[in-house]
Amino acid sequence: KLFERSIRIGTRIRNSTGIGSGGISLGSMAVKLAEENVDDIKSKHVLLIGTGEAATLVAKSLKKRGYAFDVTSRTLERSVGFSQTLGGKPIKFEDVLSGFNNYEIIFVATTAPYFLVSFDRMKDAMKNKPGTMILDLSNPRTVDEKVATIPGIKLMNIDQIAEMVDKNMKKRREKVSTVENIISEEVPIIEATMKR
């Protein structure tokens, strides 16, 4: 009885307060932003550059939503190992650097000390393409800011994504007192049931 009631209250809280809405991990927020800015992601070619912590969060979020994606890292072995546990199709790093034109959504989550996605590479890639969204989760950034000036490219960096995560966290915190009120209402009912 206690567990059934607790689960029912938890569901009521989530549904009525919206405390669980809005991504609070960088990975899920980045995927959500891609969904909001690109129509029908399922039909698009998605690329994930990197196999570290941030890339893992992105991959989990993509997999959970059922999106297919390519994954690349400096060595093919790392991409293969990553894809076996987190999904994605491993692609050679060299093929990606010369093939940015194959993708409509690019998540970059690496620790490279230089620009992987450079202005010149993207300018060439965009010659015969309508548009690409790039989400740079790297710290330091590995997408040249100038890329945003190329027509058809929408670039979001880690600071912009983190800001949205903070907003969502703040919204959740604001709902805590409402949640506590619901719990305060329900506890005496549970106690009475248990006594009975």
N, C-alpha and C. Protein backbone atom coordinates (compact mmCIF):
# COMPACT_ATOMS: atom_id res chain seq x y z
N LYS A 1 0.83 -1.20 0.00
CA LYS A 1 0.00 0.00 0.00
C LYS A 1 0.88 1.27 0.00
N LEU A 2 1.88 1.25 0.89
CA LEU A 2 2.75 2.41 1.03
C LEU A 2 3.46 2.73 -0.29
N PHE A 3 4.02 1.68 -0.91
CA PHE A 3 4.75 1.91 -2.16
C PHE A 3 3.83 2.32 -3.29
N GLU A 4 2.68 1.66 -3.37
CA GLU A 4 1.71 2.03 -4.42
C GLU A 4 1.33 3.49 -4.30
N ARG A 5 1.01 3.88 -3.07
CA ARG A 5 0.58 5.26 -2.79
C ARG A 5 1.72 6.25 -3.10
N SER A 6 2.94 5.89 -2.71
CA SER A 6 4.09 6.77 -2.96
C SER A 6 4.31 6.99 -4.45
N ILE A 7 4.19 5.91 -5.20
CA ILE A 7 4.38 6.01 -6.66
C ILE A 7 3.28 6.88 -7.27
N ARG A 8 2.05 6.70 -6.78
CA ARG A 8 0.93 7.49 -7.29
C ARG A 8 1.14 8.98 -6.99
N ILE A 9 1.63 9.28 -5.79
CA ILE A 9 1.90 10.68 -5.41
C ILE A 9 3.02 11.25 -6.28
N GLY A 10 4.06 10.45 -6.46
CA GLY A 10 5.18 10.89 -7.31
C GLY A 10 4.71 11.25 -8.71
N THR A 11 3.83 10.41 -9.26
CA THR A 11 3.29 10.66 -10.60
C THR A 11 2.46 11.94 -10.60
N ARG A 12 1.63 12.09 -9.56
CA ARG A 12 0.81 13.31 -9.46
C ARG A 12 1.69 14.55 -9.42
N ILE A 13 2.76 14.48 -8.63
CA ILE A 13 3.68 15.62 -8.50
C ILE A 13 4.32 15.96 -9.85
N ARG A 14 4.83 14.95 -10.52
CA ARG A 14 5.48 15.20 -11.82
C ARG A 14 4.51 15.80 -12.83
N ASN A 15 3.29 15.24 -12.86
CA ASN A 15 2.30 15.71 -13.84
C ASN A 15 1.76 17.10 -13.52
N SER A 16 1.51 17.38 -12.23
CA SER A 16 0.85 18.65 -11.91
C SER A 16 1.82 19.82 -11.74
N THR A 17 3.08 19.54 -11.36
CA THR A 17 4.01 20.66 -11.15
C THR A 17 4.97 20.87 -12.30
N GLY A 18 5.21 19.82 -13.11
CA GLY A 18 6.17 19.93 -14.21
C GLY A 18 7.60 20.00 -13.72
N ILE A 19 7.85 19.48 -12.52
CA ILE A 19 9.20 19.55 -11.93
C ILE A 19 10.23 18.76 -12.75
N GLY A 20 9.77 17.78 -13.50
CA GLY A 20 10.72 16.98 -14.27
C GLY A 20 10.95 17.48 -15.68
N SER A 21 10.31 18.61 -16.06
CA SER A 21 10.45 19.06 -17.45
C SER A 21 11.70 19.92 -17.63
N GLY A 22 12.21 19.93 -18.85
CA GLY A 22 13.40 20.73 -19.16
C GLY A 22 14.66 19.96 -18.84
N GLY A 23 15.56 19.88 -19.83
CA GLY A 23 16.80 19.12 -19.65
C GLY A 23 17.72 19.78 -18.64
N ILE A 24 18.36 18.97 -17.80
CA ILE A 24 19.33 19.54 -16.86
C ILE A 24 20.71 18.91 -17.01
N SER A 25 20.91 18.16 -18.11
CA SER A 25 22.27 17.73 -18.43
C SER A 25 22.63 18.40 -19.75
N LEU A 26 23.91 18.72 -19.91
CA LEU A 26 24.34 19.39 -21.15
C LEU A 26 23.98 18.57 -22.37
N GLY A 27 24.14 17.24 -22.24
CA GLY A 27 23.85 16.36 -23.38
C GLY A 27 22.40 16.39 -23.79
N SER A 28 21.48 16.23 -22.82
CA SER A 28 20.07 16.21 -23.17
C SER A 28 19.60 17.59 -23.64
N MET A 29 20.18 18.65 -23.06
CA MET A 29 19.81 20.01 -23.48
C MET A 29 20.25 20.25 -24.92
N ALA A 30 21.45 19.78 -25.27
CA ALA A 30 21.95 19.97 -26.64
C ALA A 30 21.05 19.25 -27.64
N VAL A 31 20.63 18.03 -27.30
CA VAL A 31 19.76 17.27 -28.21
C VAL A 31 18.39 17.96 -28.32
N LYS A 32 17.90 18.47 -27.20
CA LYS A 32 16.61 19.18 -27.20
C LYS A 32 16.69 20.43 -28.09
N LEU A 33 17.80 21.16 -28.01
CA LEU A 33 17.98 22.35 -28.85
C LEU A 33 18.01 21.98 -30.33
N ALA A 34 18.65 20.86 -30.63
CA ALA A 34 18.67 20.39 -32.02
C ALA A 34 17.24 20.08 -32.49
N GLU A 35 16.47 19.42 -31.62
CA GLU A 35 15.07 19.10 -31.96
C GLU A 35 14.25 20.36 -32.22
N GLU A 36 14.50 21.40 -31.41
CA GLU A 36 13.74 22.64 -31.55
C GLU A 36 14.12 23.43 -32.80
N ASN A 37 15.35 23.25 -33.27
CA ASN A 37 15.83 24.05 -34.40
C ASN A 37 15.88 23.34 -35.74
N VAL A 38 15.74 22.02 -35.72
CA VAL A 38 15.82 21.26 -36.98
C VAL A 38 14.57 20.40 -37.11
N ASP A 39 13.91 20.49 -38.24
CA ASP A 39 12.70 19.69 -38.46
C ASP A 39 13.06 18.23 -38.70
N ASP A 40 12.32 17.35 -38.09
CA ASP A 40 12.40 15.91 -38.34
C ASP A 40 13.83 15.36 -38.29
N ILE A 41 14.40 15.34 -37.08
CA ILE A 41 15.79 14.87 -36.91
C ILE A 41 15.97 13.44 -37.42
N LYS A 42 14.93 12.62 -37.27
CA LYS A 42 15.06 11.21 -37.69
C LYS A 42 15.53 11.07 -39.13
N SER A 43 15.15 12.03 -39.98
CA SER A 43 15.53 11.94 -41.40
C SER A 43 16.86 12.63 -41.70
N LYS A 44 17.47 13.22 -40.69
CA LYS A 44 18.72 13.96 -40.89
C LYS A 44 19.94 13.12 -40.55
N HIS A 45 21.10 13.56 -41.08
CA HIS A 45 22.36 12.88 -40.77
C HIS A 45 23.00 13.60 -39.59
N VAL A 46 23.21 12.86 -38.51
CA VAL A 46 23.73 13.44 -37.27
C VAL A 46 25.13 12.91 -37.01
N LEU A 47 26.02 13.82 -36.60
CA LEU A 47 27.40 13.43 -36.30
C LEU A 47 27.75 13.84 -34.87
N LEU A 48 28.42 12.94 -34.18
CA LEU A 48 28.94 13.24 -32.84
C LEU A 48 30.46 13.11 -32.90
N ILE A 49 31.16 14.22 -32.61
CA ILE A 49 32.62 14.18 -32.59
C ILE A 49 33.06 14.15 -31.13
N GLY A 50 33.73 13.07 -30.74
CA GLY A 50 34.21 12.93 -29.37
C GLY A 50 33.66 11.67 -28.71
N THR A 51 34.42 11.17 -27.71
CA THR A 51 33.99 9.95 -27.01
C THR A 51 34.15 10.10 -25.50
N GLY A 52 34.25 11.36 -25.04
CA GLY A 52 34.43 11.60 -23.60
C GLY A 52 33.12 11.72 -22.85
N GLU A 53 33.20 12.42 -21.72
CA GLU A 53 32.05 12.54 -20.82
C GLU A 53 30.87 13.26 -21.47
N ALA A 54 31.13 14.44 -22.06
CA ALA A 54 30.05 15.21 -22.69
C ALA A 54 29.46 14.44 -23.87
N ALA A 55 30.33 13.80 -24.66
CA ALA A 55 29.87 13.01 -25.81
C ALA A 55 28.98 11.85 -25.34
N THR A 56 29.33 11.26 -24.20
CA THR A 56 28.54 10.16 -23.64
C THR A 56 27.12 10.63 -23.33
N LEU A 57 26.99 11.82 -22.73
CA LEU A 57 25.67 12.37 -22.40
C LEU A 57 24.84 12.61 -23.67
N VAL A 58 25.50 13.13 -24.70
CA VAL A 58 24.80 13.37 -25.98
C VAL A 58 24.35 12.04 -26.59
N ALA A 59 25.27 11.07 -26.61
CA ALA A 59 24.96 9.76 -27.21
C ALA A 59 23.78 9.09 -26.49
N LYS A 60 23.79 9.13 -25.15
CA LYS A 60 22.69 8.54 -24.38
C LYS A 60 21.36 9.19 -24.74
N SER A 61 21.39 10.50 -24.87
CA SER A 61 20.18 11.25 -25.18
C SER A 61 19.68 10.94 -26.60
N LEU A 62 20.60 10.84 -27.54
CA LEU A 62 20.23 10.51 -28.93
C LEU A 62 19.66 9.10 -29.00
N LYS A 63 20.32 8.17 -28.31
CA LYS A 63 19.89 6.77 -28.32
C LYS A 63 18.51 6.62 -27.69
N LYS A 64 18.31 7.31 -26.56
CA LYS A 64 17.03 7.25 -25.85
C LYS A 64 15.87 7.71 -26.74
N ARG A 65 16.15 8.70 -27.57
CA ARG A 65 15.11 9.24 -28.45
C ARG A 65 15.01 8.48 -29.78
N GLY A 66 15.90 7.51 -29.96
CA GLY A 66 15.84 6.67 -31.17
C GLY A 66 16.43 7.31 -32.42
N TYR A 67 17.38 8.24 -32.27
CA TYR A 67 18.00 8.88 -33.43
C TYR A 67 19.28 8.15 -33.82
N ALA A 68 19.43 7.92 -35.11
CA ALA A 68 20.67 7.31 -35.62
C ALA A 68 21.73 8.40 -35.70
N PHE A 69 23.00 8.04 -35.45
CA PHE A 69 24.07 9.03 -35.54
C PHE A 69 25.40 8.35 -35.84
N ASP A 70 26.30 9.11 -36.45
CA ASP A 70 27.67 8.65 -36.67
C ASP A 70 28.51 9.19 -35.52
N VAL A 71 29.54 8.44 -35.15
CA VAL A 71 30.43 8.89 -34.07
C VAL A 71 31.88 8.78 -34.53
N THR A 72 32.67 9.79 -34.18
CA THR A 72 34.07 9.74 -34.56
C THR A 72 34.96 10.25 -33.43
N SER A 73 36.18 9.75 -33.42
CA SER A 73 37.17 10.17 -32.44
C SER A 73 38.53 10.12 -33.15
N ARG A 74 39.59 10.53 -32.44
CA ARG A 74 40.90 10.55 -33.10
C ARG A 74 41.31 9.18 -33.62
N THR A 75 40.95 8.12 -32.87
CA THR A 75 41.27 6.78 -33.36
C THR A 75 39.97 6.02 -33.59
N LEU A 76 39.97 5.21 -34.61
CA LEU A 76 38.78 4.43 -34.96
C LEU A 76 38.44 3.45 -33.84
N GLU A 77 39.47 2.92 -33.15
CA GLU A 77 39.25 1.96 -32.06
C GLU A 77 38.36 2.59 -30.97
N ARG A 78 38.65 3.84 -30.63
CA ARG A 78 37.84 4.51 -29.59
C ARG A 78 36.41 4.69 -30.05
N SER A 79 36.23 5.05 -31.31
CA SER A 79 34.87 5.22 -31.85
C SER A 79 34.13 3.90 -31.83
N VAL A 80 34.83 2.82 -32.18
CA VAL A 80 34.20 1.49 -32.21
C VAL A 80 33.80 1.08 -30.79
N GLY A 81 34.73 1.23 -29.83
CA GLY A 81 34.44 0.89 -28.43
C GLY A 81 33.26 1.69 -27.88
N PHE A 82 33.24 2.97 -28.20
CA PHE A 82 32.18 3.88 -27.75
C PHE A 82 30.84 3.44 -28.32
N SER A 83 30.82 3.15 -29.62
CA SER A 83 29.56 2.80 -30.29
C SER A 83 29.00 1.46 -29.81
N GLN A 84 29.88 0.56 -29.36
CA GLN A 84 29.40 -0.74 -28.87
C GLN A 84 28.58 -0.58 -27.59
N THR A 85 28.94 0.39 -26.76
CA THR A 85 28.19 0.56 -25.52
C THR A 85 27.12 1.65 -25.63
N LEU A 86 27.37 2.70 -26.43
CA LEU A 86 26.46 3.84 -26.44
C LEU A 86 25.72 4.07 -27.76
N GLY A 87 25.96 3.20 -28.74
CA GLY A 87 25.27 3.36 -30.02
C GLY A 87 26.07 4.25 -30.96
N GLY A 88 25.50 4.48 -32.11
CA GLY A 88 26.19 5.28 -33.13
C GLY A 88 27.01 4.40 -34.05
N LYS A 89 27.26 4.93 -35.25
CA LYS A 89 28.05 4.19 -36.24
C LYS A 89 29.44 4.81 -36.30
N PRO A 90 30.49 4.01 -36.00
CA PRO A 90 31.85 4.59 -35.99
C PRO A 90 32.32 5.01 -37.40
N ILE A 91 32.89 6.19 -37.47
CA ILE A 91 33.38 6.74 -38.74
C ILE A 91 34.83 7.18 -38.53
N LYS A 92 35.66 7.02 -39.58
CA LYS A 92 37.06 7.47 -39.48
C LYS A 92 37.13 8.99 -39.36
N PHE A 93 38.00 9.44 -38.49
CA PHE A 93 38.17 10.87 -38.21
C PHE A 93 38.51 11.65 -39.48
N GLU A 94 39.40 11.10 -40.29
CA GLU A 94 39.84 11.76 -41.53
C GLU A 94 38.65 11.95 -42.48
N ASP A 95 37.77 10.93 -42.55
CA ASP A 95 36.61 11.00 -43.45
C ASP A 95 35.66 12.12 -43.02
N VAL A 96 35.57 12.32 -41.71
CA VAL A 96 34.68 13.36 -41.19
C VAL A 96 35.20 14.74 -41.53
N LEU A 97 36.51 14.95 -41.32
CA LEU A 97 37.10 16.27 -41.55
C LEU A 97 36.91 16.75 -42.98
N SER A 98 36.85 15.80 -43.90
CA SER A 98 36.63 16.21 -45.30
C SER A 98 35.17 16.00 -45.72
N GLY A 99 34.33 15.56 -44.77
CA GLY A 99 32.94 15.25 -45.14
C GLY A 99 31.89 15.92 -44.29
N PHE A 100 32.16 17.14 -43.81
CA PHE A 100 31.17 17.86 -43.01
C PHE A 100 29.88 18.11 -43.80
N ASN A 101 30.01 18.15 -45.12
CA ASN A 101 28.83 18.40 -45.97
C ASN A 101 27.80 17.26 -45.90
N ASN A 102 28.17 16.12 -45.32
CA ASN A 102 27.24 14.98 -45.22
C ASN A 102 26.28 15.09 -44.05
N TYR A 103 26.45 16.11 -43.20
CA TYR A 103 25.68 16.17 -41.95
C TYR A 103 24.87 17.46 -41.82
N GLU A 104 23.65 17.30 -41.25
CA GLU A 104 22.80 18.47 -40.96
C GLU A 104 22.91 18.90 -39.49
N ILE A 105 23.31 17.95 -38.64
CA ILE A 105 23.48 18.26 -37.21
C ILE A 105 24.83 17.71 -36.76
N ILE A 106 25.64 18.57 -36.14
CA ILE A 106 26.96 18.15 -35.67
C ILE A 106 27.11 18.53 -34.19
N PHE A 107 27.32 17.51 -33.35
CA PHE A 107 27.63 17.74 -31.94
C PHE A 107 29.14 17.60 -31.79
N VAL A 108 29.79 18.60 -31.22
CA VAL A 108 31.24 18.54 -31.03
C VAL A 108 31.51 18.54 -29.53
N ALA A 109 32.10 17.45 -29.04
CA ALA A 109 32.37 17.33 -27.60
C ALA A 109 33.74 16.71 -27.40
N THR A 110 34.77 17.53 -27.61
CA THR A 110 36.14 17.02 -27.50
C THR A 110 36.95 17.92 -26.58
N THR A 111 38.19 17.53 -26.35
CA THR A 111 39.10 18.37 -25.56
C THR A 111 40.28 18.82 -26.42
N ALA A 112 40.10 18.84 -27.73
CA ALA A 112 41.19 19.26 -28.62
C ALA A 112 41.57 20.70 -28.33
N PRO A 113 42.89 20.99 -28.35
CA PRO A 113 43.33 22.36 -28.04
C PRO A 113 43.30 23.29 -29.26
N TYR A 114 42.61 22.88 -30.33
CA TYR A 114 42.56 23.71 -31.55
C TYR A 114 41.17 23.56 -32.16
N PHE A 115 40.88 24.37 -33.20
CA PHE A 115 39.58 24.30 -33.87
C PHE A 115 39.51 23.08 -34.78
N LEU A 116 38.64 22.14 -34.43
CA LEU A 116 38.41 20.98 -35.30
C LEU A 116 37.49 21.38 -36.45
N VAL A 117 36.47 22.17 -36.10
CA VAL A 117 35.52 22.65 -37.11
C VAL A 117 35.94 24.07 -37.43
N SER A 118 36.72 24.19 -38.51
CA SER A 118 37.28 25.49 -38.87
C SER A 118 36.37 26.21 -39.87
N PHE A 119 36.62 27.50 -40.00
CA PHE A 119 35.84 28.34 -40.92
C PHE A 119 35.96 27.82 -42.35
N ASP A 120 37.19 27.54 -42.79
CA ASP A 120 37.42 27.11 -44.18
C ASP A 120 36.74 25.78 -44.49
N ARG A 121 36.87 24.83 -43.55
CA ARG A 121 36.25 23.51 -43.77
C ARG A 121 34.73 23.64 -43.91
N MET A 122 34.12 24.45 -43.04
CA MET A 122 32.67 24.59 -43.07
C MET A 122 32.21 25.40 -44.26
N LYS A 123 33.02 26.37 -44.67
CA LYS A 123 32.65 27.19 -45.84
C LYS A 123 32.57 26.29 -47.08
N ASP A 124 33.56 25.39 -47.22
CA ASP A 124 33.55 24.44 -48.34
C ASP A 124 32.36 23.49 -48.23
N ALA A 125 32.09 23.01 -47.01
CA ALA A 125 31.02 22.04 -46.79
C ALA A 125 29.64 22.63 -47.10
N MET A 126 29.48 23.93 -46.95
CA MET A 126 28.16 24.56 -47.11
C MET A 126 27.87 25.02 -48.53
N LYS A 127 28.79 24.76 -49.46
CA LYS A 127 28.61 25.25 -50.83
C LYS A 127 27.30 24.81 -51.46
N ASN A 128 26.94 23.52 -51.33
CA ASN A 128 25.71 23.04 -51.96
C ASN A 128 24.72 22.50 -50.94
N LYS A 129 24.61 23.20 -49.81
CA LYS A 129 23.76 22.69 -48.73
C LYS A 129 22.84 23.75 -48.18
N PRO A 130 21.61 23.36 -47.80
CA PRO A 130 20.70 24.36 -47.25
C PRO A 130 21.05 24.80 -45.82
N GLY A 131 21.47 23.87 -44.95
CA GLY A 131 21.76 24.31 -43.59
C GLY A 131 22.32 23.23 -42.69
N THR A 132 23.04 23.67 -41.67
CA THR A 132 23.63 22.76 -40.68
C THR A 132 23.56 23.41 -39.31
N MET A 133 23.25 22.60 -38.31
CA MET A 133 23.29 23.10 -36.94
C MET A 133 24.49 22.47 -36.24
N ILE A 134 25.29 23.30 -35.58
CA ILE A 134 26.47 22.81 -34.87
C ILE A 134 26.33 23.17 -33.40
N LEU A 135 26.49 22.17 -32.53
CA LEU A 135 26.42 22.39 -31.08
C LEU A 135 27.78 22.05 -30.49
N ASP A 136 28.47 23.06 -30.02
CA ASP A 136 29.83 22.88 -29.50
C ASP A 136 29.79 22.76 -27.98
N LEU A 137 29.99 21.54 -27.48
CA LEU A 137 29.99 21.29 -26.04
C LEU A 137 31.41 21.20 -25.49
N SER A 138 32.38 21.56 -26.31
CA SER A 138 33.78 21.43 -25.92
C SER A 138 34.23 22.59 -25.04
N ASN A 139 35.18 22.27 -24.15
CA ASN A 139 35.77 23.28 -23.31
C ASN A 139 37.27 23.01 -23.22
N PRO A 140 38.15 23.77 -23.86
CA PRO A 140 37.87 24.97 -24.65
C PRO A 140 37.11 24.65 -25.94
N ARG A 141 36.52 25.67 -26.54
CA ARG A 141 35.71 25.47 -27.75
C ARG A 141 36.56 24.94 -28.89
N THR A 142 35.95 24.04 -29.66
CA THR A 142 36.69 23.48 -30.81
C THR A 142 36.00 23.80 -32.13
N VAL A 143 35.02 24.70 -32.07
CA VAL A 143 34.39 25.20 -33.30
C VAL A 143 34.71 26.69 -33.38
N ASP A 144 35.30 27.08 -34.50
CA ASP A 144 35.65 28.48 -34.71
C ASP A 144 34.38 29.33 -34.70
N GLU A 145 34.35 30.37 -33.86
CA GLU A 145 33.17 31.25 -33.76
C GLU A 145 32.79 31.85 -35.12
N LYS A 146 33.80 32.06 -35.99
CA LYS A 146 33.54 32.66 -37.30
C LYS A 146 32.62 31.79 -38.16
N VAL A 147 32.55 30.50 -37.82
CA VAL A 147 31.69 29.56 -38.56
C VAL A 147 30.24 30.07 -38.57
N ALA A 148 29.84 30.75 -37.48
CA ALA A 148 28.47 31.27 -37.35
C ALA A 148 28.13 32.31 -38.41
N THR A 149 29.15 32.89 -39.05
CA THR A 149 28.89 33.92 -40.07
C THR A 149 28.60 33.31 -41.44
N ILE A 150 28.80 32.01 -41.58
CA ILE A 150 28.54 31.34 -42.87
C ILE A 150 27.03 31.18 -43.03
N PRO A 151 26.47 31.63 -44.16
CA PRO A 151 25.02 31.49 -44.35
C PRO A 151 24.58 30.02 -44.25
N GLY A 152 23.47 29.80 -43.54
CA GLY A 152 22.93 28.44 -43.40
C GLY A 152 23.42 27.69 -42.17
N ILE A 153 24.35 28.30 -41.41
CA ILE A 153 24.86 27.60 -40.22
C ILE A 153 24.30 28.23 -38.96
N LYS A 154 23.81 27.37 -38.08
CA LYS A 154 23.38 27.84 -36.75
C LYS A 154 24.34 27.20 -35.75
N LEU A 155 25.05 28.05 -35.01
CA LEU A 155 26.05 27.56 -34.05
C LEU A 155 25.63 27.91 -32.64
N MET A 156 25.67 26.91 -31.76
CA MET A 156 25.45 27.16 -30.33
C MET A 156 26.64 26.61 -29.58
N ASN A 157 27.16 27.41 -28.63
CA ASN A 157 28.34 26.94 -27.89
C ASN A 157 27.97 26.51 -26.48
N ILE A 158 28.95 25.99 -25.77
CA ILE A 158 28.73 25.42 -24.44
C ILE A 158 28.15 26.44 -23.45
N ASP A 159 28.55 27.71 -23.56
CA ASP A 159 28.03 28.73 -22.64
C ASP A 159 26.54 28.95 -22.82
N GLN A 160 26.10 29.00 -24.08
CA GLN A 160 24.67 29.19 -24.36
C GLN A 160 23.86 27.98 -23.88
N ILE A 161 24.40 26.79 -24.09
CA ILE A 161 23.70 25.56 -23.68
C ILE A 161 23.65 25.48 -22.15
N ALA A 162 24.77 25.80 -21.50
CA ALA A 162 24.84 25.76 -20.03
C ALA A 162 23.88 26.77 -19.41
N GLU A 163 23.72 27.92 -20.06
CA GLU A 163 22.80 28.94 -19.58
C GLU A 163 21.36 28.41 -19.56
N MET A 164 21.00 27.67 -20.59
CA MET A 164 19.66 27.09 -20.66
C MET A 164 19.47 26.00 -19.61
N VAL A 165 20.52 25.23 -19.37
CA VAL A 165 20.48 24.20 -18.32
C VAL A 165 20.25 24.88 -16.96
N ASP A 166 20.95 26.00 -16.72
CA ASP A 166 20.79 26.74 -15.46
C ASP A 166 19.36 27.24 -15.29
N LYS A 167 18.79 27.76 -16.40
CA LYS A 167 17.40 28.25 -16.36
C LYS A 167 16.46 27.13 -15.95
N ASN A 168 16.65 25.95 -16.55
CA ASN A 168 15.80 24.80 -16.23
C ASN A 168 15.95 24.37 -14.78
N MET A 169 17.20 24.42 -14.27
CA MET A 169 17.46 24.07 -12.87
C MET A 169 16.72 25.04 -11.95
N LYS A 170 16.77 26.34 -12.31
CA LYS A 170 16.12 27.37 -11.51
C LYS A 170 14.61 27.13 -11.48
N LYS A 171 14.05 26.81 -12.66
CA LYS A 171 12.61 26.54 -12.75
C LYS A 171 12.23 25.37 -11.85
N ARG A 172 13.07 24.34 -11.85
CA ARG A 172 12.79 23.17 -11.01
C ARG A 172 12.84 23.53 -9.53
N ARG A 173 13.85 24.34 -9.16
CA ARG A 173 13.99 24.73 -7.76
C ARG A 173 12.78 25.53 -7.28
N GLU A 174 12.23 26.36 -8.18
CA GLU A 174 11.06 27.18 -7.83
C GLU A 174 9.83 26.32 -7.53
N LYS A 175 9.82 25.10 -8.05
CA LYS A 175 8.65 24.25 -7.87
C LYS A 175 8.73 23.38 -6.62
N VAL A 176 9.86 23.43 -5.92
CA VAL A 176 10.07 22.57 -4.76
C VAL A 176 9.01 22.81 -3.67
N SER A 177 8.68 24.07 -3.39
CA SER A 177 7.71 24.34 -2.31
C SER A 177 6.33 23.78 -2.67
N THR A 178 5.94 23.87 -3.95
CA THR A 178 4.66 23.28 -4.39
C THR A 178 4.67 21.78 -4.16
N VAL A 179 5.78 21.15 -4.49
CA VAL A 179 5.93 19.70 -4.30
C VAL A 179 5.82 19.35 -2.81
N GLU A 180 6.51 20.13 -1.99
CA GLU A 180 6.48 19.87 -0.55
C GLU A 180 5.06 20.00 0.01
N ASN A 181 4.28 20.96 -0.51
CA ASN A 181 2.89 21.13 -0.07
C ASN A 181 2.05 19.89 -0.39
N ILE A 182 2.24 19.37 -1.60
CA ILE A 182 1.49 18.16 -2.01
C ILE A 182 1.85 17.01 -1.07
N ILE A 183 3.14 16.86 -0.78
CA ILE A 183 3.59 15.77 0.10
C ILE A 183 2.98 15.95 1.50
N SER A 184 2.97 17.20 2.00
CA SER A 184 2.39 17.47 3.33
C SER A 184 0.91 17.08 3.38
N GLU A 185 0.20 17.31 2.27
CA GLU A 185 -1.23 16.92 2.19
C GLU A 185 -1.39 15.41 2.26
N GLU A 186 -0.48 14.72 1.55
CA GLU A 186 -0.65 13.28 1.36
C GLU A 186 -0.17 12.44 2.54
N VAL A 187 0.84 12.91 3.29
CA VAL A 187 1.42 12.11 4.37
C VAL A 187 0.38 11.68 5.42
N PRO A 188 -0.48 12.62 5.92
CA PRO A 188 -1.48 12.18 6.91
C PRO A 188 -2.42 11.10 6.37
N ILE A 189 -2.74 11.18 5.09
CA ILE A 189 -3.63 10.18 4.47
C ILE A 189 -2.94 8.82 4.50
N ILE A 190 -1.65 8.82 4.13
CA ILE A 190 -0.89 7.55 4.13
C ILE A 190 -0.80 7.00 5.56
N GLU A 191 -0.49 7.91 6.52
CA GLU A 191 -0.37 7.47 7.92
C GLU A 191 -1.67 6.83 8.42
N ALA A 192 -2.80 7.47 8.08
CA ALA A 192 -4.10 6.93 8.49
C ALA A 192 -4.34 5.57 7.88
N THR A 193 -3.99 5.44 6.60
CA THR A 193 -4.16 4.14 5.90
C THR A 193 -3.32 3.06 6.57
N MET A 194 -2.06 3.42 6.89
CA MET A 194 -1.15 2.43 7.51
C MET A 194 -1.65 2.02 8.89
N LYS A 195 -2.14 3.01 9.67
CA LYS A 195 -2.68 2.69 11.00
C LYS A 195 -3.85 1.71 10.90
N ARG A 196 -4.73 1.99 9.91
CA ARG A 196 -5.90 1.16 9.71
C ARG A 196 -5.49 -0.26 9.36
